[in-house]
Amino acid sequence: MNNTHYSANLLKYMNTPESYNMNVSIYLKNILTHEHLYIEEPKDVNIKNELCNFISLSSNEITLENLEKLKGHVILYQYPDTSTWSNSYHMSFMHIENINQKNDNFVLTKYKKDTFIDSSGKEITMVDRCIEKLYRLREQSSAYRIWLPFKLYLNEYIT
């Protein structure tokens, strides 16, 4: 998995329990700002400044070909809460595992994997996956977004 576009601080944060509790305001427009990010940061890691440099893909950039370019890269995926009363969206570090052109969907896997020891002493790794339809990113772009580090965006979409 390619995470070379991330700082050591952000990589450290991605592997903390706090990275599961990332949210962003529903009032966010197209730029991540400190006031819209609801993130619990460990004392020794400051990531808000770095996240404010991320760029979201626009709805016309959400194509199968462009998602294919992101396979193997860690992305920041934004998605809505299950409650209609929520005033924030969730954000998770994920990677695109698979793209299904026939069904117009893709499979995302969370970057951080939880492990635990079962009663027999065997280590079990939990993998969180979700299947998303491309139309959600294209048509509901305020709720569903893919955020990329600026350098990754430049390397994959500008050059």
C-alpha atoms as a PDB file:
ATOM      1  CA  MET A   1       0.000   0.000   0.000  1.00  0.00           C
ATOM      2  CA  ASN A   2       1.458   3.336  -1.054  1.00  0.00           C
ATOM      3  CA  ASN A   3       1.539   5.935   1.716  1.00  0.00           C
ATOM      4  CA  THR A   4       4.615   7.895   0.574  1.00  0.00           C
ATOM      5  CA  HIS A   5       2.621  11.140   0.267  1.00  0.00           C
ATOM      6  CA  TYR A   6       1.999  11.261   4.019  1.00  0.00           C
ATOM      7  CA  SER A   7       4.204  12.733   6.738  1.00  0.00           C
ATOM      8  CA  ALA A   8       5.578  10.613   9.564  1.00  0.00           C
ATOM      9  CA  ASN A   9       3.149  12.386  11.941  1.00  0.00           C
ATOM     10  CA  LEU A  10       0.119  11.542   9.825  1.00  0.00           C
ATOM     11  CA  LEU A  11       1.245   7.926   9.396  1.00  0.00           C
ATOM     12  CA  LYS A  12       1.636   7.704  13.149  1.00  0.00           C
ATOM     13  CA  TYR A  13      -1.870   9.141  13.614  1.00  0.00           C
ATOM     14  CA  MET A  14      -3.389   6.682  11.107  1.00  0.00           C
ATOM     15  CA  ASN A  15      -2.389   3.850  13.437  1.00  0.00           C
ATOM     16  CA  THR A  16      -3.950   5.316  16.586  1.00  0.00           C
ATOM     17  CA  PRO A  17      -7.442   4.647  17.978  1.00  0.00           C
ATOM     18  CA  GLU A  18      -8.176   8.368  17.543  1.00  0.00           C
ATOM     19  CA  SER A  19      -8.087   7.959  13.759  1.00  0.00           C
ATOM     20  CA  TYR A  20     -11.421   6.131  14.007  1.00  0.00           C
ATOM     21  CA  ASN A  21     -13.120   9.265  15.337  1.00  0.00           C
ATOM     22  CA  MET A  22     -12.546  11.708  12.515  1.00  0.00           C
ATOM     23  CA  ASN A  23     -15.444  13.903  11.479  1.00  0.00           C
ATOM     24  CA  VAL A  24     -15.991  16.967   9.361  1.00  0.00           C
ATOM     25  CA  SER A  25     -18.829  19.489   9.510  1.00  0.00           C
ATOM     26  CA  ILE A  26     -21.714  19.148   7.061  1.00  0.00           C
ATOM     27  CA  TYR A  27     -21.277  22.885   6.475  1.00  0.00           C
ATOM     28  CA  LEU A  28     -17.889  22.323   4.889  1.00  0.00           C
ATOM     29  CA  LYS A  29     -17.643  23.646   1.351  1.00  0.00           C
ATOM     30  CA  ASN A  30     -14.697  22.479  -0.756  1.00  0.00           C
ATOM     31  CA  ILE A  31     -11.746  23.136   1.536  1.00  0.00           C
ATOM     32  CA  LEU A  32     -10.843  21.436   4.806  1.00  0.00           C
ATOM     33  CA  THR A  33     -10.370  24.012   7.544  1.00  0.00           C
ATOM     34  CA  HIS A  34      -9.559  23.775  11.243  1.00  0.00           C
ATOM     35  CA  GLU A  35     -13.028  24.943  12.206  1.00  0.00           C
ATOM     36  CA  HIS A  36     -14.710  22.177  10.182  1.00  0.00           C
ATOM     37  CA  LEU A  37     -12.479  19.307  11.325  1.00  0.00           C
ATOM     38  CA  TYR A  38     -13.598  17.436  14.442  1.00  0.00           C
ATOM     39  CA  ILE A  39     -10.547  15.364  15.250  1.00  0.00           C
ATOM     40  CA  GLU A  40      -9.155  14.094  18.511  1.00  0.00           C
ATOM     41  CA  GLU A  41      -5.406  14.411  18.174  1.00  0.00           C
ATOM     42  CA  PRO A  42      -2.915  12.644  20.434  1.00  0.00           C
ATOM     43  CA  LYS A  43      -0.727  15.116  22.331  1.00  0.00           C
ATOM     44  CA  ASP A  44       2.401  14.325  20.341  1.00  0.00           C
ATOM     45  CA  VAL A  45       0.796  14.427  16.884  1.00  0.00           C
ATOM     46  CA  ASN A  46      -0.532  17.539  15.105  1.00  0.00           C
ATOM     47  CA  ILE A  47      -2.317  16.619  11.895  1.00  0.00           C
ATOM     48  CA  LYS A  48      -4.974  19.288  11.332  1.00  0.00           C
ATOM     49  CA  ASN A  49      -2.549  21.529   9.453  1.00  0.00           C
ATOM     50  CA  GLU A  50      -1.620  18.670   7.149  1.00  0.00           C
ATOM     51  CA  LEU A  51      -5.249  17.682   6.528  1.00  0.00           C
ATOM     52  CA  CYS A  52      -6.090  21.264   5.591  1.00  0.00           C
ATOM     53  CA  ASN A  53      -3.805  20.800   2.557  1.00  0.00           C
ATOM     54  CA  PHE A  54      -5.845  17.885   1.209  1.00  0.00           C
ATOM     55  CA  ILE A  55      -7.835  18.311  -2.011  1.00  0.00           C
ATOM     56  CA  SER A  56     -11.117  16.563  -2.756  1.00  0.00           C
ATOM     57  CA  LEU A  57     -11.864  15.103  -6.146  1.00  0.00           C
ATOM     58  CA  SER A  58     -14.654  16.936  -7.922  1.00  0.00           C
ATOM     59  CA  SER A  59     -17.655  14.991  -9.180  1.00  0.00           C
ATOM     60  CA  ASN A  60     -16.365  15.111 -12.776  1.00  0.00           C
ATOM     61  CA  GLU A  61     -13.024  13.637 -11.612  1.00  0.00           C
ATOM     62  CA  ILE A  62     -14.821  10.585 -10.195  1.00  0.00           C
ATOM     63  CA  THR A  63     -14.320   8.161 -13.048  1.00  0.00           C
ATOM     64  CA  LEU A  64     -13.338   4.506 -13.135  1.00  0.00           C
ATOM     65  CA  GLU A  65     -10.060   5.492 -14.788  1.00  0.00           C
ATOM     66  CA  ASN A  66      -9.214   8.023 -12.069  1.00  0.00           C
ATOM     67  CA  LEU A  67     -10.123   5.628  -9.273  1.00  0.00           C
ATOM     68  CA  GLU A  68      -7.890   3.061 -10.925  1.00  0.00           C
ATOM     69  CA  LYS A  69      -4.998   5.539 -10.559  1.00  0.00           C
ATOM     70  CA  LEU A  70      -5.648   5.603  -6.808  1.00  0.00           C
ATOM     71  CA  LYS A  71      -5.582   1.844  -6.284  1.00  0.00           C
ATOM     72  CA  GLY A  72      -2.803   1.085  -3.864  1.00  0.00           C
ATOM     73  CA  HIS A  73      -2.740   4.631  -2.414  1.00  0.00           C
ATOM     74  CA  VAL A  74      -4.096   5.595   0.977  1.00  0.00           C
ATOM     75  CA  ILE A  75      -6.978   8.050   0.617  1.00  0.00           C
ATOM     76  CA  LEU A  76      -9.160   9.935   3.078  1.00  0.00           C
ATOM     77  CA  TYR A  77     -12.760   8.893   2.469  1.00  0.00           C
ATOM     78  CA  GLN A  78     -15.687  11.024   3.638  1.00  0.00           C
ATOM     79  CA  TYR A  79     -19.151   9.515   4.082  1.00  0.00           C
ATOM     80  CA  PRO A  80     -22.369  10.459   5.908  1.00  0.00           C
ATOM     81  CA  ASP A  81     -23.484   9.339   9.345  1.00  0.00           C
ATOM     82  CA  THR A  82     -26.380   6.906   9.514  1.00  0.00           C
ATOM     83  CA  SER A  83     -28.392   9.432  11.531  1.00  0.00           C
ATOM     84  CA  THR A  84     -30.262  12.077   9.572  1.00  0.00           C
ATOM     85  CA  TRP A  85     -29.814  14.424  12.556  1.00  0.00           C
ATOM     86  CA  SER A  86     -26.039  14.361  12.431  1.00  0.00           C
ATOM     87  CA  ASN A  87     -24.222  17.632  11.785  1.00  0.00           C
ATOM     88  CA  SER A  88     -21.027  15.930  10.610  1.00  0.00           C
ATOM     89  CA  TYR A  89     -19.698  13.386   8.147  1.00  0.00           C
ATOM     90  CA  HIS A  90     -17.264  10.625   9.008  1.00  0.00           C
ATOM     91  CA  MET A  91     -13.763  10.447   7.557  1.00  0.00           C
ATOM     92  CA  SER A  92     -11.560   7.346   7.390  1.00  0.00           C
ATOM     93  CA  PHE A  93      -8.178   6.544   5.947  1.00  0.00           C
ATOM     94  CA  MET A  94      -8.805   3.802   3.397  1.00  0.00           C
ATOM     95  CA  HIS A  95      -7.491   2.329   0.208  1.00  0.00           C
ATOM     96  CA  ILE A  96      -9.344   1.248  -2.906  1.00  0.00           C
ATOM     97  CA  GLU A  97      -9.102  -2.510  -2.989  1.00  0.00           C
ATOM     98  CA  ASN A  98     -11.162  -3.294  -6.050  1.00  0.00           C
ATOM     99  CA  ILE A  99     -13.118  -1.509  -8.784  1.00  0.00           C
ATOM    100  CA  ASN A 100     -16.075  -3.269 -10.374  1.00  0.00           C
ATOM    101  CA  GLN A 101     -16.790  -1.637 -13.706  1.00  0.00           C
ATOM    102  CA  LYS A 102     -19.778  -3.898 -14.412  1.00  0.00           C
ATOM    103  CA  ASN A 103     -21.598  -2.855 -11.219  1.00  0.00           C
ATOM    104  CA  ASP A 104     -20.207   0.705 -11.194  1.00  0.00           C
ATOM    105  CA  ASN A 105     -18.925   0.318  -7.643  1.00  0.00           C
ATOM    106  CA  PHE A 106     -15.681  -0.010  -5.733  1.00  0.00           C
ATOM    107  CA  VAL A 107     -14.480  -1.699  -2.552  1.00  0.00           C
ATOM    108  CA  LEU A 108     -12.732   0.330   0.144  1.00  0.00           C
ATOM    109  CA  THR A 109     -10.703  -1.124   3.009  1.00  0.00           C
ATOM    110  CA  LYS A 110      -9.782   0.777   6.163  1.00  0.00           C
ATOM    111  CA  TYR A 111      -6.073   1.488   6.538  1.00  0.00           C
ATOM    112  CA  LYS A 112      -5.916   0.602  10.238  1.00  0.00           C
ATOM    113  CA  LYS A 113      -6.649  -3.017  10.958  1.00  0.00           C
ATOM    114  CA  ASP A 114      -7.581  -4.108  14.469  1.00  0.00           C
ATOM    115  CA  THR A 115      -6.133  -7.261  15.929  1.00  0.00           C
ATOM    116  CA  PHE A 116      -7.187  -9.207  18.974  1.00  0.00           C
ATOM    117  CA  ILE A 117      -6.440 -12.584  20.570  1.00  0.00           C
ATOM    118  CA  ASP A 118      -9.292 -15.087  20.643  1.00  0.00           C
ATOM    119  CA  SER A 119      -9.898 -17.592  23.463  1.00  0.00           C
ATOM    120  CA  SER A 120      -7.570 -20.159  21.862  1.00  0.00           C
ATOM    121  CA  GLY A 121      -4.705 -17.627  21.785  1.00  0.00           C
ATOM    122  CA  LYS A 122      -4.864 -17.125  18.024  1.00  0.00           C
ATOM    123  CA  GLU A 123      -4.365 -13.570  16.717  1.00  0.00           C
ATOM    124  CA  ILE A 124      -7.313 -12.411  14.630  1.00  0.00           C
ATOM    125  CA  THR A 125      -7.083  -9.406  12.276  1.00  0.00           C
ATOM    126  CA  MET A 126     -10.294  -7.514  11.615  1.00  0.00           C
ATOM    127  CA  VAL A 127     -10.605  -5.870   8.198  1.00  0.00           C
ATOM    128  CA  ASP A 128     -13.269  -3.200   7.711  1.00  0.00           C
ATOM    129  CA  ARG A 129     -14.536  -3.084   4.127  1.00  0.00           C
ATOM    130  CA  CYS A 130     -17.327  -1.233   2.423  1.00  0.00           C
ATOM    131  CA  ILE A 131     -18.745  -1.237  -1.087  1.00  0.00           C
ATOM    132  CA  GLU A 132     -19.670   2.127  -2.531  1.00  0.00           C
ATOM    133  CA  LYS A 133     -21.486   3.063  -5.703  1.00  0.00           C
ATOM    134  CA  LEU A 134     -19.775   5.618  -7.917  1.00  0.00           C
ATOM    135  CA  TYR A 135     -22.977   7.626  -8.310  1.00  0.00           C
ATOM    136  CA  ARG A 136     -22.790   8.550  -4.606  1.00  0.00           C
ATOM    137  CA  LEU A 137     -19.480  10.300  -5.187  1.00  0.00           C
ATOM    138  CA  ARG A 138     -20.687  11.895  -8.402  1.00  0.00           C
ATOM    139  CA  GLU A 139     -24.178  12.993  -7.345  1.00  0.00           C
ATOM    140  CA  GLN A 140     -23.887  13.383  -3.578  1.00  0.00           C
ATOM    141  CA  SER A 141     -20.479  15.009  -3.562  1.00  0.00           C
ATOM    142  CA  SER A 142     -21.101  17.092  -0.455  1.00  0.00           C
ATOM    143  CA  ALA A 143     -21.587  13.931   1.644  1.00  0.00           C
ATOM    144  CA  TYR A 144     -19.296  11.467  -0.149  1.00  0.00           C
ATOM    145  CA  ARG A 145     -15.790  12.608  -1.044  1.00  0.00           C
ATOM    146  CA  ILE A 146     -12.320  11.359  -1.685  1.00  0.00           C
ATOM    147  CA  TRP A 147      -9.662  13.632  -0.174  1.00  0.00           C
ATOM    148  CA  LEU A 148      -6.051  13.376  -1.308  1.00  0.00           C
ATOM    149  CA  PRO A 149      -2.794  14.873  -0.114  1.00  0.00           C
ATOM    150  CA  PHE A 150      -1.847  17.758  -2.382  1.00  0.00           C
ATOM    151  CA  LYS A 151       1.284  15.987  -3.709  1.00  0.00           C
ATOM    152  CA  LEU A 152      -0.671  12.849  -4.598  1.00  0.00           C
ATOM    153  CA  TYR A 153      -3.280  14.938  -6.397  1.00  0.00           C
ATOM    154  CA  LEU A 154      -0.555  16.713  -8.373  1.00  0.00           C
ATOM    155  CA  ASN A 155       1.222  13.482  -9.266  1.00  0.00           C
ATOM    156  CA  GLU A 156      -1.905  11.607 -10.382  1.00  0.00           C
ATOM    157  CA  TYR A 157      -4.117  14.298 -11.889  1.00  0.00           C
ATOM    158  CA  ILE A 158      -2.023  17.262 -12.972  1.00  0.00           C
ATOM    159  CA  THR A 159       1.136  15.737 -14.444  1.00  0.00           C
END
